[in-house]
Amino acid sequence: MLRTVTTGAAAAALAAAALLALAVPAGAANGRVGVRETVCAQDLYVRTAPVGAWMGTLYTGQTFLVEEVDGSWVYGFAYGDINRHGWVQNGWFC
């Protein structure tokens, strides 16, 4: 019985690691203040505040001008379909 639990826990940990690896695109980078970054994520939600209300979505290849970095969030101007200021999660740029 102990062997089954250990094997199950190892399989769950491996599955979680695989999902995490798929969540961040290869070559993704953190945003830099003053740089118009290109989105590498399939879709990146633009919000009114960090973890705030959704106000639009940027897609792969669209750009975001980073004006401020606040931990894992960046504030700036979202080009593409949105064309206004907002917050996005950092780390999803090429």
Protein backbone atom coordinates (compact mmCIF):
# COMPACT_ATOMS: atom_id res chain seq x y z
CA MET A 1 0.00 0.00 0.00
CA LEU A 2 2.81 2.43 0.83
CA ARG A 3 4.41 1.83 -2.58
CA THR A 4 1.17 2.79 -4.36
CA VAL A 5 0.89 6.05 -2.39
CA THR A 6 4.52 6.95 -3.09
CA THR A 7 4.15 6.16 -6.79
CA GLY A 8 0.89 8.15 -6.93
CA ALA A 9 2.50 11.16 -5.25
CA ALA A 10 5.47 11.01 -7.62
CA ALA A 11 3.15 10.82 -10.63
CA ALA A 12 1.16 13.81 -9.37
CA ALA A 13 4.34 15.83 -8.85
CA LEU A 14 5.55 14.94 -12.34
CA ALA A 15 2.21 15.92 -13.87
CA ALA A 16 2.23 19.26 -12.02
CA ALA A 17 5.77 19.99 -13.24
CA ALA A 18 4.77 19.19 -16.82
CA LEU A 19 1.78 21.56 -16.64
CA LEU A 20 3.94 24.33 -15.20
CA ALA A 21 6.48 23.89 -17.99
CA LEU A 22 3.69 24.27 -20.57
CA ALA A 23 2.30 27.39 -18.84
CA VAL A 24 5.35 29.56 -19.63
CA PRO A 25 6.34 29.84 -23.28
CA ALA A 26 9.93 29.02 -24.17
CA GLY A 27 12.02 32.17 -24.26
CA ALA A 28 9.48 34.26 -22.31
CA ALA A 29 11.00 37.29 -20.61
CA ASN A 30 10.14 39.86 -17.99
CA GLY A 31 9.04 43.30 -19.13
CA ARG A 32 11.48 46.20 -18.96
CA VAL A 33 10.41 49.78 -18.20
CA GLY A 34 10.36 51.94 -21.32
CA VAL A 35 10.39 48.99 -23.72
CA ARG A 36 7.53 48.07 -26.06
CA GLU A 37 7.47 44.32 -25.48
CA THR A 38 5.99 41.67 -27.78
CA VAL A 39 3.55 39.19 -26.22
CA CYS A 40 4.70 35.55 -26.46
CA ALA A 41 1.69 34.08 -24.63
CA GLN A 42 -1.25 32.75 -26.63
CA ASP A 43 -3.41 35.26 -24.78
CA LEU A 44 -2.61 37.74 -22.00
CA TYR A 45 -5.38 39.41 -20.02
CA VAL A 46 -5.20 43.17 -19.53
CA ARG A 47 -6.69 44.24 -16.20
CA THR A 48 -7.70 47.45 -14.43
CA ALA A 49 -5.30 46.63 -11.55
CA PRO A 50 -3.09 43.69 -10.56
CA VAL A 51 -5.58 40.79 -10.19
CA GLY A 52 -8.28 43.35 -11.05
CA ALA A 53 -11.19 43.30 -13.47
CA TRP A 54 -10.55 42.05 -17.02
CA MET A 55 -10.74 44.75 -19.69
CA GLY A 56 -9.31 43.03 -22.75
CA THR A 57 -6.92 40.43 -24.13
CA LEU A 58 -3.59 40.73 -25.93
CA TYR A 59 -2.67 37.89 -28.28
CA THR A 60 0.66 36.48 -29.50
CA GLY A 61 2.56 39.10 -31.49
CA GLN A 62 0.69 42.12 -30.12
CA THR A 63 2.67 44.63 -28.07
CA PHE A 64 2.66 46.26 -24.65
CA LEU A 65 4.66 49.36 -23.65
CA VAL A 66 5.90 48.75 -20.09
CA GLU A 67 5.73 51.92 -17.97
CA GLU A 68 5.95 50.43 -14.45
CA VAL A 69 6.96 47.10 -12.90
CA ASP A 70 5.31 46.04 -9.64
CA GLY A 71 6.49 42.55 -8.69
CA SER A 72 4.86 40.01 -10.97
CA TRP A 73 2.70 42.66 -12.69
CA VAL A 74 3.49 45.44 -15.17
CA TYR A 75 1.53 48.58 -16.02
CA GLY A 76 1.56 50.21 -19.41
CA PHE A 77 -0.14 50.73 -22.73
CA ALA A 78 -1.68 47.72 -24.47
CA TYR A 79 -1.56 48.04 -28.26
CA GLY A 80 -3.46 45.78 -30.65
CA ASP A 81 -7.17 45.26 -30.04
CA ILE A 82 -7.20 47.16 -26.72
CA ASN A 83 -5.30 50.45 -27.21
CA ARG A 84 -5.43 51.67 -23.61
CA HIS A 85 -3.53 51.53 -20.33
CA GLY A 86 -3.78 48.56 -17.99
CA TRP A 87 -1.97 45.86 -16.02
CA VAL A 88 -0.73 42.47 -17.26
CA GLN A 89 1.11 39.62 -15.60
CA ASN A 90 4.85 39.96 -16.10
CA GLY A 91 6.95 37.23 -17.70
CA TRP A 92 4.92 36.63 -20.87
CA PHE A 93 6.99 38.71 -23.28
CA CYS A 94 9.43 37.52 -25.98
